[in-house]
Protein backbone atom coordinates (compact mmCIF):
# COMPACT_ATOMS: atom_id res chain seq x y z
CA MET A 1 54.20 5.73 -50.57
CA GLU A 2 52.20 2.03 -51.34
CA ASN A 3 48.84 2.13 -50.71
CA LEU A 4 48.13 0.06 -47.41
CA THR A 5 44.60 -2.15 -48.32
CA ILE A 6 42.46 -3.80 -46.00
CA SER A 7 41.32 -7.07 -46.52
CA PRO A 8 37.91 -7.19 -46.40
CA THR A 9 37.76 -10.64 -44.23
CA VAL A 10 40.22 -8.53 -41.88
CA VAL A 11 37.41 -5.50 -41.96
CA ILE A 12 34.42 -8.96 -41.08
CA ALA A 13 37.03 -10.51 -39.06
CA VAL A 14 37.25 -7.26 -36.74
CA LEU A 15 33.44 -6.60 -36.87
CA LEU A 16 32.63 -10.25 -35.81
CA LEU A 17 35.98 -9.92 -32.88
CA LEU A 18 33.96 -6.21 -31.96
CA TYR A 19 30.33 -8.07 -31.65
CA LEU A 20 30.90 -10.96 -29.81
CA LEU A 21 33.02 -9.20 -27.58
CA ASN A 22 29.91 -6.29 -26.77
CA SER A 23 27.66 -9.60 -26.42
CA ILE A 24 29.68 -10.61 -23.38
CA ARG A 25 27.54 -9.78 -20.40
CA ILE A 26 29.10 -10.51 -16.98
CA LEU A 27 26.33 -11.51 -13.90
CA ALA A 28 27.33 -11.61 -10.23
CA GLU A 29 26.64 -14.51 -7.72
CA TYR A 30 23.27 -12.52 -6.73
CA GLU A 31 22.07 -12.02 -10.39
CA ARG A 32 19.91 -13.87 -12.93
CA GLY A 33 19.83 -12.02 -16.86
CA VAL A 34 16.07 -12.59 -18.00
CA ILE A 35 15.99 -13.08 -21.85
CA PHE A 36 14.04 -12.22 -24.41
CA ARG A 37 14.93 -13.44 -28.35
CA LEU A 38 13.00 -11.97 -30.71
CA GLY A 39 10.44 -11.20 -28.51
CA LYS A 40 9.80 -14.48 -27.05
CA LEU A 41 11.22 -15.29 -23.26
CA LEU A 42 13.42 -18.29 -22.99
CA ASP A 43 12.72 -20.86 -20.75
CA ARG A 44 15.32 -20.17 -18.27
CA PRO A 45 17.08 -17.62 -16.83
CA LYS A 46 20.99 -16.95 -17.48
CA GLY A 47 23.96 -16.66 -14.66
CA PRO A 48 25.59 -16.32 -13.06
CA GLY A 49 28.78 -16.10 -14.74
CA VAL A 50 29.30 -15.09 -18.41
CA VAL A 51 26.64 -14.72 -20.18
CA PHE A 52 25.69 -13.84 -24.37
CA VAL A 53 23.50 -11.68 -25.47
CA PHE A 54 23.25 -11.03 -29.58
CA ARG A 55 22.03 -8.66 -29.96
CA PRO A 56 19.63 -7.31 -31.84
CA ILE A 57 17.89 -10.53 -31.70
CA ASP A 58 18.42 -11.16 -27.56
CA ARG A 59 17.38 -8.13 -24.81
CA MET A 60 18.70 -9.27 -21.63
CA VAL A 61 17.09 -7.69 -18.20
CA ARG A 62 19.39 -8.20 -15.71
CA MET A 63 17.24 -9.31 -12.13
CA SER A 64 18.69 -8.98 -8.22
CA LEU A 65 18.16 -11.87 -5.55
CA ARG A 66 19.19 -10.15 -3.36
CA THR A 67 16.44 -9.57 -0.15
CA VAL A 68 15.46 -5.85 -1.03
CA VAL A 69 13.79 -3.05 2.27
CA LEU A 70 11.21 -1.37 1.73
CA ASP A 71 10.51 1.09 3.95
CA VAL A 72 6.48 2.18 3.83
CA PRO A 73 6.02 5.57 4.49
CA PRO A 74 3.29 6.92 7.53
CA GLN A 75 0.01 6.08 7.00
CA ASP A 76 -3.40 7.61 8.58
CA ILE A 77 -5.11 4.60 10.02
CA ILE A 78 -8.45 4.58 12.25
CA THR A 79 -8.11 1.84 14.14
CA ARG A 80 -11.37 -0.63 15.39
CA ASP A 81 -12.11 1.76 18.36
CA ASN A 82 -11.82 4.76 16.00
CA VAL A 83 -8.71 6.49 16.63
CA SER A 84 -6.69 7.90 14.52
CA VAL A 85 -3.01 6.95 14.00
CA LYS A 86 -0.14 6.78 12.04
CA VAL A 87 2.46 3.56 11.63
CA ASN A 88 4.47 2.95 9.38
CA ALA A 89 6.59 -0.42 8.49
CA VAL A 90 9.18 -1.59 7.06
CA VAL A 91 8.98 -4.62 5.01
CA TYR A 92 11.22 -7.42 3.62
CA PHE A 93 10.89 -9.33 0.04
CA ARG A 94 13.64 -10.72 -2.63
CA VAL A 95 12.66 -12.65 -6.03
CA ILE A 96 12.51 -15.64 -5.97
CA ASP A 97 11.58 -16.03 -9.88
CA PRO A 98 12.70 -13.69 -12.29
CA ARG A 99 10.66 -15.05 -14.68
CA ARG A 100 7.47 -14.54 -13.64
CA ALA A 101 9.00 -10.62 -12.01
CA VAL A 102 9.62 -9.63 -15.33
CA VAL A 103 6.97 -10.79 -17.14
CA GLU A 104 3.54 -10.91 -14.47
CA VAL A 105 4.16 -7.05 -13.19
CA GLU A 106 5.62 -4.31 -14.39
CA ASN A 107 7.95 -2.87 -11.45
CA TYR A 108 7.77 -5.21 -9.13
CA ASN A 109 9.52 -2.63 -6.76
CA TYR A 110 6.86 0.02 -6.69
CA ALA A 111 3.91 -2.85 -6.99
CA THR A 112 5.14 -4.39 -3.59
CA SER A 113 5.42 -0.80 -2.26
CA GLN A 114 1.49 0.01 -2.86
CA LEU A 115 -0.05 -3.56 -1.66
CA ALA A 116 2.26 -2.57 1.23
CA GLN A 117 0.44 0.46 2.10
CA THR A 118 -3.17 -0.42 1.61
CA THR A 119 -2.59 -4.04 2.52
CA LEU A 120 -0.95 -2.22 5.66
CA ARG A 121 -4.31 0.12 5.86
CA SER A 122 -6.79 -2.42 5.85
CA VAL A 123 -5.69 -5.34 8.08
CA LEU A 124 -4.27 -1.96 10.77
CA GLY A 125 -8.36 -1.02 10.61
CA GLN A 126 -9.49 -3.73 11.43
CA ALA A 127 -7.65 -3.64 14.36
CA GLU A 128 -8.19 -2.14 18.19
CA LEU A 129 -5.72 0.38 19.16
CA ASP A 130 -4.32 -1.70 22.36
CA ASP A 131 -3.60 -4.95 19.75
CA LEU A 132 -1.45 -3.02 17.83
CA LEU A 133 0.05 -1.60 20.56
CA ALA A 134 0.62 -5.15 22.55
CA GLU A 135 0.07 -7.48 19.42
CA ARG A 136 3.04 -6.81 16.86
CA ASP A 137 3.99 -10.29 16.56
CA ARG A 138 0.34 -11.84 15.43
CA LEU A 139 -0.42 -8.02 13.25
CA ASN A 140 3.11 -8.73 11.60
CA ALA A 141 2.47 -12.52 11.16
CA GLN A 142 -0.68 -11.13 10.13
CA LEU A 143 0.47 -8.72 7.24
CA GLN A 144 3.84 -10.97 6.29
CA GLN A 145 0.45 -13.96 4.90
CA ILE A 146 -1.34 -11.06 3.30
CA LEU A 147 1.39 -9.86 1.31
CA ASP A 148 3.50 -12.85 0.42
CA HIS A 149 0.37 -14.99 -0.72
CA GLN A 150 -1.04 -11.62 -2.96
CA THR A 151 2.99 -11.03 -4.54
CA ASP A 152 2.98 -15.52 -4.69
CA PRO A 153 1.90 -14.40 -9.25
CA TRP A 154 4.74 -11.84 -9.44
CA GLY A 155 7.90 -14.40 -8.23
CA ILE A 156 7.86 -12.57 -4.73
CA LYS A 157 8.35 -14.30 -1.69
CA VAL A 158 7.77 -11.74 1.08
CA SER A 159 10.41 -12.80 4.46
CA ALA A 160 9.20 -10.66 7.09
CA VAL A 161 6.93 -7.11 7.52
CA GLU A 162 8.22 -5.11 11.08
CA VAL A 163 6.03 -2.70 12.61
CA LYS A 164 8.03 0.30 13.27
CA HIS A 165 6.44 2.62 14.44
CA VAL A 166 3.08 3.79 16.59
CA ASP A 167 1.91 8.05 16.38
CA LEU A 168 -0.84 8.92 19.06
CA PRO A 169 -2.64 12.14 19.10
CA GLN A 170 -1.54 14.03 22.16
CA ASP A 171 -4.43 14.10 23.80
CA MET A 172 -4.58 10.18 23.98
CA GLN A 173 -0.75 9.68 25.24
CA ARG A 174 -1.93 11.51 27.82
CA ALA A 175 -5.33 9.73 28.77
CA MET A 176 -3.23 6.81 28.07
CA ALA A 177 -0.15 8.17 30.79
CA ARG A 178 -3.62 8.97 33.27
CA GLN A 179 -4.92 5.07 33.09
CA ALA A 180 -1.08 3.39 33.10
CA GLU A 181 -0.73 5.45 36.20
CA ALA A 182 -4.08 4.24 37.61
CA GLU A 183 -3.46 1.05 37.27
CA ARG A 184 -0.15 1.14 39.68
CA GLU A 185 -1.80 2.95 42.29
CA LYS A 186 -4.78 0.09 41.79
CA ARG A 187 -2.21 -2.43 42.14
CA ALA A 188 -0.46 -0.46 45.04
CA LYS A 189 -3.49 -0.56 47.03
CA ILE A 190 -3.19 -3.96 46.47
CA ILE A 191 -0.06 -4.88 47.93
CA HIS A 192 -0.93 -3.02 50.60
CA ALA A 193 -4.48 -5.04 51.08
CA GLU A 194 -2.66 -7.75 51.06
CA GLY A 195 -0.26 -6.91 53.52
CA GLU A 196 -2.39 -6.12 55.82
CA LEU A 197 -4.33 -9.29 55.32
CA ILE A 198 -1.72 -11.60 55.51
CA ALA A 199 -0.73 -9.23 59.24
CA SER A 200 -3.92 -9.73 60.62
CA GLU A 201 -3.67 -13.29 59.97
CA LYS A 202 -0.05 -13.40 62.32
CA LEU A 203 -1.29 -11.55 64.31
CA ALA A 204 -4.36 -13.61 65.86
CA GLN A 205 -2.83 -16.25 65.75
CA ALA A 206 -0.13 -14.82 68.20
CA ALA A 207 -2.95 -14.15 70.04
CA GLY A 208 -4.27 -17.02 70.09
CA VAL A 209 -0.74 -17.80 71.33
CA LEU A 210 -0.62 -15.91 74.23
CA ALA A 211 -3.92 -16.59 75.74
CA GLN A 212 -2.96 -20.36 75.69
CA GLN A 213 0.37 -19.42 77.57
CA PRO A 214 -0.47 -16.30 80.21
CA THR A 215 2.76 -15.95 81.76
CA ALA A 216 3.86 -15.77 78.02
CA ILE A 217 1.35 -12.17 77.94
CA THR A 218 4.19 -11.59 81.49
CA LEU A 219 7.47 -11.77 79.31
CA ARG A 220 6.22 -9.83 76.52
CA TYR A 221 5.73 -7.45 78.86
CA LEU A 222 8.93 -7.63 80.40
CA GLN A 223 10.71 -7.06 77.38
CA THR A 224 8.04 -4.32 76.05
CA LEU A 225 10.03 -2.31 79.49
CA THR A 226 13.20 -2.93 78.43
CA GLU A 227 12.57 -1.68 75.27
CA ILE A 228 11.45 1.46 76.47
CA GLY A 229 14.32 1.79 79.59
CA SER A 230 16.44 1.40 76.63
CA GLU A 231 14.79 5.30 75.03
CA GLN A 232 16.78 6.55 78.14
CA ASN A 233 12.93 8.14 79.09
CA SER A 234 12.77 10.47 82.38
CA THR A 235 9.02 8.50 83.50
CA ILE A 236 7.96 5.56 83.07
CA VAL A 237 4.48 4.21 83.57
CA PHE A 238 4.70 1.10 84.54
CA PRO A 239 0.81 -0.66 84.78
CA LEU A 240 0.38 -3.91 86.33
CA PRO A 241 -1.08 -6.56 83.99
CA ILE A 242 -4.08 -8.58 85.35
CA GLU A 243 -2.18 -12.30 84.66
CA MET A 244 0.86 -11.14 86.94
CA LEU A 245 -1.92 -10.10 90.11
CA ARG A 246 -3.05 -13.57 89.60
CA VAL A 247 0.01 -15.38 90.05
CA LEU A 248 0.84 -12.77 92.91
CA GLY A 249 -2.68 -13.73 94.70
CA ARG A 250 -1.71 -17.61 93.61
CA THR A 251 1.15 -17.78 95.68
CA SER A 252 0.93 -15.47 98.20
CA PRO A 253 0.35 -16.88 101.71
CA ASN A 254 -2.99 -17.44 103.30
CA PRO A 255 -3.57 -15.30 106.27
């Protein structure tokens, strides 16, 4: 049996083909490849689609351009009015410059997380408890602006920051419940007083009308007797109004 001999050209062609196949990288639509050639950063990132990375000359770092949802763990915060609370938040950010996200910071996810925690404690520590509970939108916008400004040199865009939960101490929750109950009682008393005032004004107007029309008092008196009689009472006290006596006195003949 004859020995098979393989041409060096075939070997080189096969090795070259394997090298080219190994150099092919496919990047998705949301991915970019930051390539270092002999340690030097290329001018622009590659992708999406087919990208050739010629090792060991080239080295590629994959970067995702999708929005990252970062959950900030609960932070112990002392507000401006000396109330200790626990606050957690969520940060939405994405990479807008892959080159700077690779070169300017070692791990942009970890760096953004640590920066979000320190910024959360710093900003919310300057606010009072009432502002922390009632002005979430303003504080969220302030946090987003600060984080976006600080992460801009890293090629990171912070699109939104949302404070999710404020954990109050039990004694503070009871105090706020008592305050809310007192506020509701105050509003109820104010509404009752306003109703009494309106009723007294209407009664004063009615008294003025009756004073101008004496016969109206008699009609009202008779109407009241009719209402009493409809209740099936056995005894009715029938006081005679002064105005009726005056009417009878004017109509009676002189002796």
